[in-house]
């Protein structure tokens, strides 16, 4: 189980109480969702990578701009 001790000795009663209160409040011991930018899906990464390769192959100098890739893939 994530966050639990493996070989560091017994868990302290205060830590156990915190886990118990968290479980009673949320019904789970999972971490809560954090704020911030969500991670990018692997499919989007693959699409952008393929678009960059295609645009670089077609471009006169083998270059493409990030703005143009964003327009082509509709990813900001």
PDB file of N, CA and C in Angstrom:
ATOM      1  N   UNK A   1       0.852  -1.168   0.000  1.00  0.00           N
ATOM      2  CA  UNK A   1       0.000   0.000   0.000  1.00  0.00           C
ATOM      3  C   UNK A   1       0.900   1.234   0.000  1.00  0.00           C
ATOM      4  N   UNK A   2       0.577   2.189  -0.837  1.00  0.00           N
ATOM      5  CA  UNK A   2       1.384   3.377  -0.967  1.00  0.00           C
ATOM      6  C   UNK A   2       1.335   4.203   0.310  1.00  0.00           C
ATOM      7  N   UNK A   3       2.492   4.695   0.719  1.00  0.00           N
ATOM      8  CA  UNK A   3       2.562   5.534   1.895  1.00  0.00           C
ATOM      9  C   UNK A   3       2.678   4.779   3.205  1.00  0.00           C
ATOM     10  N   UNK A   4       2.608   3.481   3.165  1.00  0.00           N
ATOM     11  CA  UNK A   4       2.735   2.686   4.388  1.00  0.00           C
ATOM     12  C   UNK A   4       4.186   2.232   4.524  1.00  0.00           C
ATOM     13  N   UNK A   5       4.612   2.009   5.719  1.00  0.00           N
ATOM     14  CA  UNK A   5       5.984   1.608   5.988  1.00  0.00           C
ATOM     15  C   UNK A   5       6.212   0.148   5.631  1.00  0.00           C
ATOM     16  N   UNK A   6       7.392  -0.143   5.098  1.00  0.00           N
ATOM     17  CA  UNK A   6       7.747  -1.519   4.776  1.00  0.00           C
ATOM     18  C   UNK A   6       8.629  -2.107   5.869  1.00  0.00           C
ATOM     19  N   UNK A   7       9.790  -1.524   6.029  1.00  0.00           N
ATOM     20  CA  UNK A   7      10.739  -2.091   6.990  1.00  0.00           C
ATOM     21  C   UNK A   7      11.300  -1.022   7.920  1.00  0.00           C
ATOM     22  N   UNK A   8      10.532   0.005   8.196  1.00  0.00           N
ATOM     23  CA  UNK A   8      11.001   1.100   9.039  1.00  0.00           C
ATOM     24  C   UNK A   8      10.515   0.971  10.471  1.00  0.00           C
ATOM     25  N   UNK A   9       9.992  -0.163  10.813  1.00  0.00           N
ATOM     26  CA  UNK A   9       9.500  -0.357  12.168  1.00  0.00           C
ATOM     27  C   UNK A   9       8.011  -0.120  12.248  1.00  0.00           C
ATOM     28  N   UNK A  10       7.468  -0.183  13.447  1.00  0.00           N
ATOM     29  CA  UNK A  10       6.016  -0.040  13.612  1.00  0.00           C
ATOM     30  C   UNK A  10       5.556   1.384  13.313  1.00  0.00           C
ATOM     31  N   UNK A  11       4.330   1.497  12.862  1.00  0.00           N
ATOM     32  CA  UNK A  11       3.756   2.802  12.558  1.00  0.00           C
ATOM     33  C   UNK A  11       3.335   3.471  13.870  1.00  0.00           C
ATOM     34  N   UNK A  12       3.511   4.762  13.936  1.00  0.00           N
ATOM     35  CA  UNK A  12       3.143   5.499  15.146  1.00  0.00           C
ATOM     36  C   UNK A  12       1.630   5.611  15.245  1.00  0.00           C
ATOM     37  N   UNK A  13       1.158   5.740  16.457  1.00  0.00           N
ATOM     38  CA  UNK A  13      -0.293   5.831  16.663  1.00  0.00           C
ATOM     39  C   UNK A  13      -0.864   7.096  16.035  1.00  0.00           C
ATOM     40  N   UNK A  14      -0.103   8.181  16.041  1.00  0.00           N
ATOM     41  CA  UNK A  14      -0.601   9.425  15.435  1.00  0.00           C
ATOM     42  C   UNK A  14      -0.775   9.265  13.922  1.00  0.00           C
ATOM     43  N   UNK A  15       0.152   8.550  13.284  1.00  0.00           N
ATOM     44  CA  UNK A  15       0.035   8.314  11.842  1.00  0.00           C
ATOM     45  C   UNK A  15      -1.155   7.411  11.545  1.00  0.00           C
ATOM     46  N   UNK A  16      -1.353   6.424  12.379  1.00  0.00           N
ATOM     47  CA  UNK A  16      -2.489   5.519  12.204  1.00  0.00           C
ATOM     48  C   UNK A  16      -3.813   6.264  12.394  1.00  0.00           C
ATOM     49  N   UNK A  17      -3.851   7.155  13.378  1.00  0.00           N
ATOM     50  CA  UNK A  17      -5.057   7.953  13.608  1.00  0.00           C
ATOM     51  C   UNK A  17      -5.359   8.864  12.414  1.00  0.00           C
ATOM     52  N   UNK A  18      -4.304   9.455  11.814  1.00  0.00           N
ATOM     53  CA  UNK A  18      -4.499  10.304  10.641  1.00  0.00           C
ATOM     54  C   UNK A  18      -5.083   9.496   9.486  1.00  0.00           C
ATOM     55  N   UNK A  19      -4.564   8.282   9.286  1.00  0.00           N
ATOM     56  CA  UNK A  19      -5.074   7.407   8.215  1.00  0.00           C
ATOM     57  C   UNK A  19      -6.529   7.036   8.475  1.00  0.00           C
ATOM     58  N   UNK A  20      -6.846   6.732   9.711  1.00  0.00           N
ATOM     59  CA  UNK A  20      -8.206   6.350  10.071  1.00  0.00           C
ATOM     60  C   UNK A  20      -9.175   7.509   9.833  1.00  0.00           C
ATOM     61  N   UNK A  21      -8.792   8.720  10.254  1.00  0.00           N
ATOM     62  CA  UNK A  21      -9.639   9.894  10.041  1.00  0.00           C
ATOM     63  C   UNK A  21      -9.833  10.172   8.554  1.00  0.00           C
ATOM     64  N   UNK A  22      -8.768  10.007   7.777  1.00  0.00           N
ATOM     65  CA  UNK A  22      -8.865  10.217   6.335  1.00  0.00           C
ATOM     66  C   UNK A  22      -9.823   9.204   5.710  1.00  0.00           C
ATOM     67  N   UNK A  23      -9.713   7.949   6.128  1.00  0.00           N
ATOM     68  CA  UNK A  23     -10.591   6.909   5.590  1.00  0.00           C
ATOM     69  C   UNK A  23     -12.044   7.165   5.969  1.00  0.00           C
ATOM     70  N   UNK A  24     -12.273   7.566   7.202  1.00  0.00           N
ATOM     71  CA  UNK A  24     -13.639   7.845   7.647  1.00  0.00           C
ATOM     72  C   UNK A  24     -14.234   9.044   6.909  1.00  0.00           C
ATOM     73  N   UNK A  25     -13.404  10.038   6.605  1.00  0.00           N
ATOM     74  CA  UNK A  25     -13.896  11.241   5.937  1.00  0.00           C
ATOM     75  C   UNK A  25     -14.134  11.026   4.442  1.00  0.00           C
ATOM     76  N   UNK A  26     -13.246  10.270   3.796  1.00  0.00           N
ATOM     77  CA  UNK A  26     -13.324  10.143   2.341  1.00  0.00           C
ATOM     78  C   UNK A  26     -13.748   8.764   1.865  1.00  0.00           C
ATOM     79  N   UNK A  27     -13.638   7.751   2.717  1.00  0.00           N
ATOM     80  CA  UNK A  27     -13.952   6.388   2.300  1.00  0.00           C
ATOM     81  C   UNK A  27     -12.827   5.732   1.536  1.00  0.00           C
ATOM     82  N   UNK A  28     -11.669   6.393   1.504  1.00  0.00           N
ATOM     83  CA  UNK A  28     -10.529   5.874   0.755  1.00  0.00           C
ATOM     84  C   UNK A  28      -9.241   6.409   1.370  1.00  0.00           C
ATOM     85  N   UNK A  29      -8.138   5.730   1.089  1.00  0.00           N
ATOM     86  CA  UNK A  29      -6.832   6.215   1.523  1.00  0.00           C
ATOM     87  C   UNK A  29      -6.054   6.830   0.362  1.00  0.00           C
ATOM     88  N   UNK A  30      -6.688   6.921  -0.802  1.00  0.00           N
ATOM     89  CA  UNK A  30      -6.024   7.464  -1.987  1.00  0.00           C
ATOM     90  C   UNK A  30      -5.746   8.950  -1.802  1.00  0.00           C
ATOM     91  N   UNK A  31      -4.719   9.434  -2.482  1.00  0.00           N
ATOM     92  CA  UNK A  31      -4.386  10.850  -2.443  1.00  0.00           C
ATOM     93  C   UNK A  31      -5.471  11.652  -3.132  1.00  0.00           C
ATOM     94  N   UNK A  32      -5.706  12.848  -2.645  1.00  0.00           N
ATOM     95  CA  UNK A  32      -6.700  13.704  -3.278  1.00  0.00           C
ATOM     96  C   UNK A  32      -6.116  14.291  -4.561  1.00  0.00           C
ATOM     97  N   UNK A  33      -6.998  14.730  -5.445  1.00  0.00           N
ATOM     98  CA  UNK A  33      -6.559  15.311  -6.693  1.00  0.00           C
ATOM     99  C   UNK A  33      -5.890  16.650  -6.411  1.00  0.00           C
ATOM    100  N   UNK A  34      -4.775  16.889  -7.039  1.00  0.00           N
ATOM    101  CA  UNK A  34      -4.015  18.121  -6.837  1.00  0.00           C
ATOM    102  C   UNK A  34      -4.410  19.168  -7.868  1.00  0.00           C
ATOM    103  N   UNK A  35      -4.139  20.416  -7.539  1.00  0.00           N
ATOM    104  CA  UNK A  35      -4.387  21.479  -8.496  1.00  0.00           C
ATOM    105  C   UNK A  35      -3.235  21.529  -9.492  1.00  0.00           C
ATOM    106  N   UNK A  36      -3.444  22.235 -10.556  1.00  0.00           N
ATOM    107  CA  UNK A  36      -2.400  22.383 -11.558  1.00  0.00           C
ATOM    108  C   UNK A  36      -2.831  21.845 -12.908  1.00  0.00           C
ATOM    109  N   UNK A  37      -1.943  21.990 -13.853  1.00  0.00           N
ATOM    110  CA  UNK A  37      -2.241  21.554 -15.210  1.00  0.00           C
ATOM    111  C   UNK A  37      -2.307  20.038 -15.263  1.00  0.00           C
ATOM    112  N   UNK A  38      -3.370  19.485 -15.835  1.00  0.00           N
ATOM    113  CA  UNK A  38      -3.467  18.026 -15.929  1.00  0.00           C
ATOM    114  C   UNK A  38      -2.426  17.470 -16.893  1.00  0.00           C
ATOM    115  N   UNK A  39      -2.050  16.233 -16.695  1.00  0.00           N
ATOM    116  CA  UNK A  39      -1.054  15.624 -17.561  1.00  0.00           C
ATOM    117  C   UNK A  39      -1.634  15.409 -18.954  1.00  0.00           C
ATOM    118  N   UNK A  40      -0.746  15.372 -19.928  1.00  0.00           N
ATOM    119  CA  UNK A  40      -1.139  15.207 -21.317  1.00  0.00           C
ATOM    120  C   UNK A  40      -1.270  13.729 -21.640  1.00  0.00           C
ATOM    121  N   UNK A  41      -2.337  13.371 -22.310  1.00  0.00           N
ATOM    122  CA  UNK A  41      -2.573  11.977 -22.681  1.00  0.00           C
ATOM    123  C   UNK A  41      -1.518  11.514 -23.684  1.00  0.00           C
ATOM    124  N   UNK A  42      -1.154  10.250 -23.618  1.00  0.00           N
ATOM    125  CA  UNK A  42      -0.133   9.685 -24.502  1.00  0.00           C
ATOM    126  C   UNK A  42      -0.549   9.788 -25.963  1.00  0.00           C
ATOM    127  N   UNK A  43      -1.828   9.654 -26.247  1.00  0.00           N
ATOM    128  CA  UNK A  43      -2.305   9.743 -27.632  1.00  0.00           C
ATOM    129  C   UNK A  43      -2.060  11.136 -28.207  1.00  0.00           C
ATOM    130  N   UNK A  44      -2.238  12.165 -27.392  1.00  0.00           N
ATOM    131  CA  UNK A  44      -2.001  13.538 -27.841  1.00  0.00           C
ATOM    132  C   UNK A  44      -0.520  13.742 -28.120  1.00  0.00           C
ATOM    133  N   UNK A  45       0.329  13.205 -27.265  1.00  0.00           N
ATOM    134  CA  UNK A  45       1.774  13.321 -27.454  1.00  0.00           C
ATOM    135  C   UNK A  45       2.179  12.666 -28.765  1.00  0.00           C
ATOM    136  N   UNK A  46       1.643  11.488 -29.039  1.00  0.00           N
ATOM    137  CA  UNK A  46       1.956  10.778 -30.279  1.00  0.00           C
ATOM    138  C   UNK A  46       1.488  11.574 -31.491  1.00  0.00           C
ATOM    139  N   UNK A  47       0.297  12.140 -31.424  1.00  0.00           N
ATOM    140  CA  UNK A  47      -0.236  12.936 -32.533  1.00  0.00           C
ATOM    141  C   UNK A  47       0.640  14.146 -32.807  1.00  0.00           C
ATOM    142  N   UNK A  48       1.039  14.844 -31.763  1.00  0.00           N
ATOM    143  CA  UNK A  48       1.896  16.023 -31.922  1.00  0.00           C
ATOM    144  C   UNK A  48       3.245  15.613 -32.497  1.00  0.00           C
ATOM    145  N   UNK A  49       3.804  14.527 -32.010  1.00  0.00           N
ATOM    146  CA  UNK A  49       5.098  14.053 -32.502  1.00  0.00           C
ATOM    147  C   UNK A  49       5.025  13.714 -33.993  1.00  0.00           C
ATOM    148  N   UNK A  50       3.974  13.027 -34.398  1.00  0.00           N
ATOM    149  CA  UNK A  50       3.810  12.674 -35.811  1.00  0.00           C
ATOM    150  C   UNK A  50       3.626  13.921 -36.671  1.00  0.00           C
ATOM    151  N   UNK A  51       2.889  14.894 -36.172  1.00  0.00           N
ATOM    152  CA  UNK A  51       2.675  16.139 -36.909  1.00  0.00           C
ATOM    153  C   UNK A  51       3.978  16.899 -37.081  1.00  0.00           C
ATOM    154  N   UNK A  52       4.781  16.958 -36.035  1.00  0.00           N
ATOM    155  CA  UNK A  52       6.078  17.640 -36.120  1.00  0.00           C
ATOM    156  C   UNK A  52       6.963  16.954 -37.151  1.00  0.00           C
ATOM    157  N   UNK A  53       7.011  15.640 -37.132  1.00  0.00           N
ATOM    158  CA  UNK A  53       7.828  14.911 -38.102  1.00  0.00           C
ATOM    159  C   UNK A  53       7.346  15.169 -39.523  1.00  0.00           C
ATOM    160  N   UNK A  54       6.037  15.143 -39.741  1.00  0.00           N
ATOM    161  CA  UNK A  54       5.485  15.375 -41.069  1.00  0.00           C
ATOM    162  C   UNK A  54       5.778  16.794 -41.539  1.00  0.00           C
ATOM    163  N   UNK A  55       5.518  17.779 -40.672  1.00  0.00           N
ATOM    164  CA  UNK A  55       5.727  19.176 -41.055  1.00  0.00           C
ATOM    165  C   UNK A  55       7.198  19.474 -41.300  1.00  0.00           C
ATOM    166  N   UNK A  56       8.085  18.846 -40.544  1.00  0.00           N
ATOM    167  CA  UNK A  56       9.521  19.045 -40.749  1.00  0.00           C
ATOM    168  C   UNK A  56       9.965  18.449 -42.074  1.00  0.00           C
ATOM    169  N   UNK A  57       9.373  17.327 -42.452  1.00  0.00           N
ATOM    170  CA  UNK A  57       9.730  16.690 -43.719  1.00  0.00           C
ATOM    171  C   UNK A  57       9.236  17.515 -44.904  1.00  0.00           C
ATOM    172  N   UNK A  58       8.105  18.172 -44.752  1.00  0.00           N
ATOM    173  CA  UNK A  58       7.514  18.948 -45.841  1.00  0.00           C
ATOM    174  C   UNK A  58       8.138  20.339 -45.939  1.00  0.00           C
ATOM    175  N   UNK A  59       8.570  20.894 -44.839  1.00  0.00           N
ATOM    176  CA  UNK A  59       9.097  22.264 -44.800  1.00  0.00           C
ATOM    177  C   UNK A  59      10.389  22.374 -45.603  1.00  0.00           C
ATOM    178  N   UNK A  60      10.633  23.572 -46.121  1.00  0.00           N
ATOM    179  CA  UNK A  60      11.800  23.805 -46.972  1.00  0.00           C
ATOM    180  C   UNK A  60      13.115  23.612 -46.218  1.00  0.00           C
ATOM    181  N   UNK A  61      13.175  24.040 -44.988  1.00  0.00           N
ATOM    182  CA  UNK A  61      14.410  23.957 -44.209  1.00  0.00           C
ATOM    183  C   UNK A  61      14.366  22.862 -43.153  1.00  0.00           C
ATOM    184  N   UNK A  62      13.339  22.051 -43.150  1.00  0.00           N
ATOM    185  CA  UNK A  62      13.224  20.976 -42.164  1.00  0.00           C
ATOM    186  C   UNK A  62      12.840  21.468 -40.783  1.00  0.00           C
ATOM    187  N   UNK A  63      12.174  22.622 -40.744  1.00  0.00           N
ATOM    188  CA  UNK A  63      11.771  23.208 -39.469  1.00  0.00           C
ATOM    189  C   UNK A  63      10.259  23.414 -39.450  1.00  0.00           C
ATOM    190  N   UNK A  64       9.700  23.496 -38.255  1.00  0.00           N
ATOM    191  CA  UNK A  64       8.291  23.860 -38.107  1.00  0.00           C
ATOM    192  C   UNK A  64       8.144  24.606 -36.787  1.00  0.00           C
ATOM    193  N   UNK A  65       7.178  25.516 -36.760  1.00  0.00           N
ATOM    194  CA  UNK A  65       6.993  26.313 -35.551  1.00  0.00           C
ATOM    195  C   UNK A  65       6.023  25.629 -34.599  1.00  0.00           C
ATOM    196  N   UNK A  66       6.194  25.912 -33.336  1.00  0.00           N
ATOM    197  CA  UNK A  66       5.299  25.363 -32.318  1.00  0.00           C
ATOM    198  C   UNK A  66       3.884  25.886 -32.521  1.00  0.00           C
ATOM    199  N   UNK A  67       3.768  27.135 -32.959  1.00  0.00           N
ATOM    200  CA  UNK A  67       2.451  27.721 -33.199  1.00  0.00           C
ATOM    201  C   UNK A  67       1.718  26.982 -34.319  1.00  0.00           C
ATOM    202  N   UNK A  68       2.429  26.652 -35.397  1.00  0.00           N
ATOM    203  CA  UNK A  68       1.808  25.938 -36.508  1.00  0.00           C
ATOM    204  C   UNK A  68       1.419  24.516 -36.105  1.00  0.00           C
ATOM    205  N   UNK A  69       2.259  23.853 -35.322  1.00  0.00           N
ATOM    206  CA  UNK A  69       1.922  22.512 -34.830  1.00  0.00           C
ATOM    207  C   UNK A  69       0.673  22.588 -33.962  1.00  0.00           C
ATOM    208  N   UNK A  70       0.573  23.614 -33.140  1.00  0.00           N
ATOM    209  CA  UNK A  70      -0.597  23.802 -32.285  1.00  0.00           C
ATOM    210  C   UNK A  70      -1.860  23.990 -33.121  1.00  0.00           C
ATOM    211  N   UNK A  71      -1.746  24.756 -34.201  1.00  0.00           N
ATOM    212  CA  UNK A  71      -2.902  24.953 -35.087  1.00  0.00           C
ATOM    213  C   UNK A  71      -3.317  23.646 -35.754  1.00  0.00           C
ATOM    214  N   UNK A  72      -2.341  22.891 -36.226  1.00  0.00           N
ATOM    215  CA  UNK A  72      -2.624  21.650 -36.944  1.00  0.00           C
ATOM    216  C   UNK A  72      -3.262  20.595 -36.040  1.00  0.00           C
ATOM    217  N   UNK A  73      -2.792  20.494 -34.815  1.00  0.00           N
ATOM    218  CA  UNK A  73      -3.262  19.442 -33.903  1.00  0.00           C
ATOM    219  C   UNK A  73      -4.391  19.904 -32.993  1.00  0.00           C
ATOM    220  N   UNK A  74      -4.673  21.213 -32.985  1.00  0.00           N
ATOM    221  CA  UNK A  74      -5.682  21.811 -32.108  1.00  0.00           C
ATOM    222  C   UNK A  74      -5.387  21.539 -30.635  1.00  0.00           C
ATOM    223  N   UNK A  75      -4.094  21.566 -30.304  1.00  0.00           N
ATOM    224  CA  UNK A  75      -3.633  21.398 -28.926  1.00  0.00           C
ATOM    225  C   UNK A  75      -2.930  22.684 -28.529  1.00  0.00           C
ATOM    226  N   UNK A  76      -3.313  23.253 -27.393  1.00  0.00           N
ATOM    227  CA  UNK A  76      -2.667  24.492 -26.961  1.00  0.00           C
ATOM    228  C   UNK A  76      -1.519  24.210 -26.032  1.00  0.00           C
TER     229      UNK A  76
END
